[in-house]
Amino acid sequence: MPWTKDDYPDSLKNFMAPVREKAVEIANALLKDGYEEGRAISIATAQAKEWAEDHHKQVRKKGH
C-alpha cells in the first residue's frame, strides 16, 4: 500500500515533516520494486535519516 504525506506508517510520526516525506518517497519506491512493507519502511527510515543529516536537517520532533 503506497503511503502519502498524510497517511504514513506510525513509526514515522515523530519525524520532522521533510524527513518523513523523504522516508515515504523512498518506501513507496521500494514497494514498487517489490520489497515487503516492513523491509521498505526499515530501509526508508535509515536512508531518510542519512539524507537529513547530509542536508543538516533536524530528524525528529523536539522531545523524541
C-alpha atoms as a PDB file:
ATOM      1  CA  MET A   1       0.000   0.000   0.000  1.00  0.00           C
ATOM      2  CA  PRO A   2       1.574   3.298  -1.025  1.00  0.00           C
ATOM      3  CA  TRP A   3       1.800   5.985   1.630  1.00  0.00           C
ATOM      4  CA  THR A   4       1.239   9.736   1.438  1.00  0.00           C
ATOM      5  CA  LYS A   5       2.303  12.765   3.468  1.00  0.00           C
ATOM      6  CA  ASP A   6      -0.959  12.419   5.427  1.00  0.00           C
ATOM      7  CA  ASP A   7      -1.131   8.613   5.585  1.00  0.00           C
ATOM      8  CA  TYR A   8       2.187   7.084   6.631  1.00  0.00           C
ATOM      9  CA  PRO A   9       3.480   4.344   8.953  1.00  0.00           C
ATOM     10  CA  ASP A  10       3.183   5.053  12.696  1.00  0.00           C
ATOM     11  CA  SER A  11       6.936   4.600  13.039  1.00  0.00           C
ATOM     12  CA  LEU A  12       7.410   7.920  11.202  1.00  0.00           C
ATOM     13  CA  LYS A  13       5.067  10.018  13.354  1.00  0.00           C
ATOM     14  CA  ASN A  14       7.855  11.660  15.396  1.00  0.00           C
ATOM     15  CA  PHE A  15       9.921  12.669  12.397  1.00  0.00           C
ATOM     16  CA  MET A  16      10.025  16.216  11.093  1.00  0.00           C
ATOM     17  CA  ALA A  17       7.813  16.618   8.005  1.00  0.00           C
ATOM     18  CA  PRO A  18      10.619  16.880   5.399  1.00  0.00           C
ATOM     19  CA  VAL A  19      12.313  13.739   6.748  1.00  0.00           C
ATOM     20  CA  ARG A  20       9.024  11.853   6.998  1.00  0.00           C
ATOM     21  CA  GLU A  21       8.134  12.856   3.424  1.00  0.00           C
ATOM     22  CA  LYS A  22      11.550  11.662   2.190  1.00  0.00           C
ATOM     23  CA  ALA A  23      11.025   8.339   4.002  1.00  0.00           C
ATOM     24  CA  VAL A  24       7.580   7.960   2.415  1.00  0.00           C
ATOM     25  CA  GLU A  25       9.048   8.709  -1.023  1.00  0.00           C
ATOM     26  CA  ILE A  26      11.791   6.107  -0.546  1.00  0.00           C
ATOM     27  CA  ALA A  27       9.442   3.498   0.941  1.00  0.00           C
ATOM     28  CA  ASN A  28       6.977   3.867  -1.939  1.00  0.00           C
ATOM     29  CA  ALA A  29       9.813   3.387  -4.451  1.00  0.00           C
ATOM     30  CA  LEU A  30      10.933   0.261  -2.595  1.00  0.00           C
ATOM     31  CA  LEU A  31       7.379  -1.124  -2.572  1.00  0.00           C
ATOM     32  CA  LYS A  32       7.198  -0.545  -6.310  1.00  0.00           C
ATOM     33  CA  ASP A  33      10.441  -2.521  -6.643  1.00  0.00           C
ATOM     34  CA  GLY A  34       8.853  -5.465  -4.810  1.00  0.00           C
ATOM     35  CA  TYR A  35      10.103  -5.022  -1.249  1.00  0.00           C
ATOM     36  CA  GLU A  36       7.842  -6.140   1.598  1.00  0.00           C
ATOM     37  CA  GLU A  37       6.215  -3.351   3.612  1.00  0.00           C
ATOM     38  CA  GLY A  38       8.228  -3.846   6.807  1.00  0.00           C
ATOM     39  CA  ARG A  39      11.546  -4.001   4.972  1.00  0.00           C
ATOM     40  CA  ALA A  40      10.669  -0.956   2.855  1.00  0.00           C
ATOM     41  CA  ILE A  41       9.874   1.074   5.986  1.00  0.00           C
ATOM     42  CA  SER A  42      13.090  -0.002   7.683  1.00  0.00           C
ATOM     43  CA  ILE A  43      15.304   0.860   4.711  1.00  0.00           C
ATOM     44  CA  ALA A  44      13.464   4.106   4.004  1.00  0.00           C
ATOM     45  CA  THR A  45      13.753   5.240   7.628  1.00  0.00           C
ATOM     46  CA  ALA A  46      17.513   4.671   7.663  1.00  0.00           C
ATOM     47  CA  GLN A  47      18.006   6.399   4.306  1.00  0.00           C
ATOM     48  CA  ALA A  48      15.806   9.362   5.260  1.00  0.00           C
ATOM     49  CA  LYS A  49      17.805   9.851   8.486  1.00  0.00           C
ATOM     50  CA  GLU A  50      21.016   9.821   6.472  1.00  0.00           C
ATOM     51  CA  TRP A  51      19.516  12.285   3.964  1.00  0.00           C
ATOM     52  CA  ALA A  52      18.503  14.628   6.796  1.00  0.00           C
ATOM     53  CA  GLU A  53      21.949  14.538   8.368  1.00  0.00           C
ATOM     54  CA  ASP A  54      23.593  15.197   4.990  1.00  0.00           C
ATOM     55  CA  HIS A  55      21.307  18.202   4.498  1.00  0.00           C
ATOM     56  CA  HIS A  56      21.688  19.466   8.096  1.00  0.00           C
ATOM     57  CA  LYS A  57      18.015  18.943   8.875  1.00  0.00           C
ATOM     58  CA  GLN A  58      16.514  18.049  12.224  1.00  0.00           C
ATOM     59  CA  VAL A  59      15.401  14.413  12.094  1.00  0.00           C
ATOM     60  CA  ARG A  60      12.894  14.130  14.938  1.00  0.00           C
ATOM     61  CA  LYS A  61      10.460  16.463  16.613  1.00  0.00           C
ATOM     62  CA  LYS A  62      11.787  18.003  19.833  1.00  0.00           C
ATOM     63  CA  GLY A  63      11.479  15.660  22.811  1.00  0.00           C
ATOM     64  CA  HIS A  64      11.586  12.448  20.733  1.00  0.00           C
END
